[in-house]
Protein backbone atom coordinates (compact mmCIF):
# COMPACT_ATOMS: atom_id res chain seq x y z
CA SER A 1 21.17 -116.69 140.29
CA ASP A 2 18.47 -119.23 139.54
CA GLY A 3 20.29 -122.23 141.01
CA THR A 4 21.34 -123.80 137.70
CA GLN A 5 24.97 -124.26 136.90
CA ARG A 6 26.24 -123.42 133.47
CA ARG A 7 29.46 -124.80 132.12
CA THR A 8 30.88 -123.39 128.97
CA LEU A 9 33.59 -124.99 126.94
CA GLN A 10 36.13 -122.52 125.66
CA VAL A 11 38.79 -123.46 123.14
CA ASP A 12 41.30 -121.55 121.06
CA TYR A 13 39.75 -121.19 117.61
CA ILE A 14 42.75 -121.76 115.34
CA PRO A 15 44.18 -124.94 116.96
CA TYR A 16 40.64 -126.32 117.32
CA MET A 17 39.77 -125.70 113.67
CA ASP A 18 43.15 -127.06 112.50
CA GLY A 19 42.51 -130.24 114.50
CA LEU A 20 39.04 -130.68 113.04
CA ALA A 21 40.30 -130.00 109.53
CA GLU A 22 43.06 -132.57 109.95
CA GLU A 23 40.55 -135.17 111.16
CA ILE A 24 38.39 -134.81 108.04
CA GLY A 25 41.26 -134.27 105.59
CA ALA A 26 40.67 -130.58 104.88
CA ARG A 27 43.74 -129.07 106.57
CA LEU A 28 45.73 -126.88 104.24
CA ASN A 29 49.40 -127.67 103.63
CA ILE A 30 50.76 -124.12 103.77
CA LYS A 31 54.27 -125.09 102.60
CA ARG A 32 52.87 -126.71 99.47
CA LEU A 33 50.60 -123.73 98.91
CA PHE A 34 53.61 -121.36 99.01
CA LEU A 35 55.12 -123.39 96.15
CA THR A 36 51.97 -123.69 94.05
CA ASP A 37 50.21 -120.36 94.68
CA PRO A 38 52.42 -117.88 96.59
CA CYS A 39 49.90 -115.02 96.48
CA LEU A 40 47.15 -117.12 98.04
CA ALA A 41 49.58 -118.63 100.55
CA PHE A 42 50.69 -115.15 101.59
CA ARG A 43 47.07 -114.09 102.17
CA VAL A 44 46.28 -117.26 104.14
CA PHE A 45 49.46 -117.12 106.26
CA PHE A 46 49.43 -113.40 107.07
CA GLY A 47 45.71 -112.69 106.81
CA PRO A 48 42.87 -113.50 109.16
CA CYS A 49 42.02 -117.13 109.83
CA SER A 50 38.77 -117.49 107.97
CA PRO A 51 36.65 -120.57 107.29
CA TYR A 52 37.34 -120.18 103.57
CA GLN A 53 40.81 -121.71 103.96
CA PHE A 54 39.27 -124.99 105.09
CA ARG A 55 37.29 -125.13 101.86
CA LEU A 56 40.35 -125.04 99.56
CA THR A 57 41.04 -128.80 99.81
CA GLY A 58 39.46 -131.98 101.06
CA PRO A 59 35.81 -132.88 101.40
CA GLY A 60 33.49 -129.95 100.87
CA LYS A 61 36.02 -128.26 98.58
CA TRP A 62 34.56 -125.04 97.17
CA ASP A 63 35.77 -123.52 93.92
CA GLY A 64 35.00 -120.02 95.17
CA ALA A 65 37.16 -120.32 98.29
CA LYS A 66 40.27 -118.87 96.64
CA ALA A 67 38.40 -115.82 95.35
CA ALA A 68 36.73 -115.37 98.75
CA ILE A 69 40.13 -115.35 100.50
CA LEU A 70 41.65 -112.93 98.00
CA THR A 71 38.75 -110.48 98.40
CA GLN A 72 37.92 -110.81 102.10
CA TRP A 73 39.71 -107.57 103.04
CA ASP A 74 37.77 -105.70 100.36
CA ARG A 75 34.48 -106.93 101.80
CA ALA A 76 35.58 -105.90 105.31
CA ILE A 77 37.00 -102.46 104.52
CA ASN A 78 34.79 -101.16 101.69
CA PRO A 79 31.71 -100.63 103.90
CA THR A 80 33.76 -98.28 106.09
CA ARG A 81 34.69 -96.03 103.17
CA THR A 82 31.83 -93.60 103.20
CA ARG A 83 33.64 -90.60 101.70
CA ILE A 84 36.66 -89.80 99.58
CA LEU A 85 39.41 -87.85 101.30
CA ASP A 86 41.99 -85.57 99.71
CA GLY A 87 45.62 -86.59 100.05
CA GLY A 88 45.62 -89.88 98.16
CA SER A 89 49.40 -89.69 97.64
CA GLU A 90 49.95 -90.23 101.39
CA LEU A 91 47.81 -93.35 101.21
CA ILE A 92 49.87 -94.71 98.32
CA SER A 93 53.12 -94.24 100.22
CA LEU A 94 51.61 -95.93 103.28
CA THR A 95 50.44 -98.82 101.12
CA LEU A 96 53.92 -99.16 99.63
CA LEU A 97 55.47 -99.17 103.10
CA LEU A 98 53.07 -101.87 104.26
CA LYS A 99 53.86 -104.00 101.22
CA ILE A 100 57.59 -103.70 101.87
CA LEU A 101 57.08 -104.69 105.50
CA ALA A 102 54.98 -107.66 104.41
CA VAL A 103 57.71 -108.86 102.04
CA LEU A 104 60.29 -108.57 104.81
CA ALA A 105 58.01 -110.53 107.14
CA LEU A 106 57.61 -113.22 104.47
CA VAL A 107 61.38 -113.52 104.05
CA CYS A 108 61.81 -113.79 107.83
CA ALA A 109 59.11 -116.47 107.97
CA PHE A 110 60.85 -118.52 105.28
CA VAL A 111 64.18 -118.20 107.09
CA LEU A 112 62.57 -119.38 110.33
CA LEU A 113 60.80 -122.32 108.63
CA MET A 114 63.97 -123.58 106.98
């Protein structure tokens, strides 16, 4: 090597971002969100941790944050759909199964939080 020492700081993203959001007053109260907007709360709780959720409340609040969260999977998956495949009925049944599993996971999460 060239004789210089490099030190990198590595942190876990989600706890770090939650801490920063709490410091500036932008941390989302997920329990309150489940009561006021269950669909959005479901997407925030079970979806990817994206910066949009820190723009729902507090300073720097963005009116488009909710729409961005609700459509983030579409923006991630649509570019990979380059062709239409036959057998759409199998996809529908898989989608239904995933929705049922998600509802069961939500019920389990509520039971654990209570």
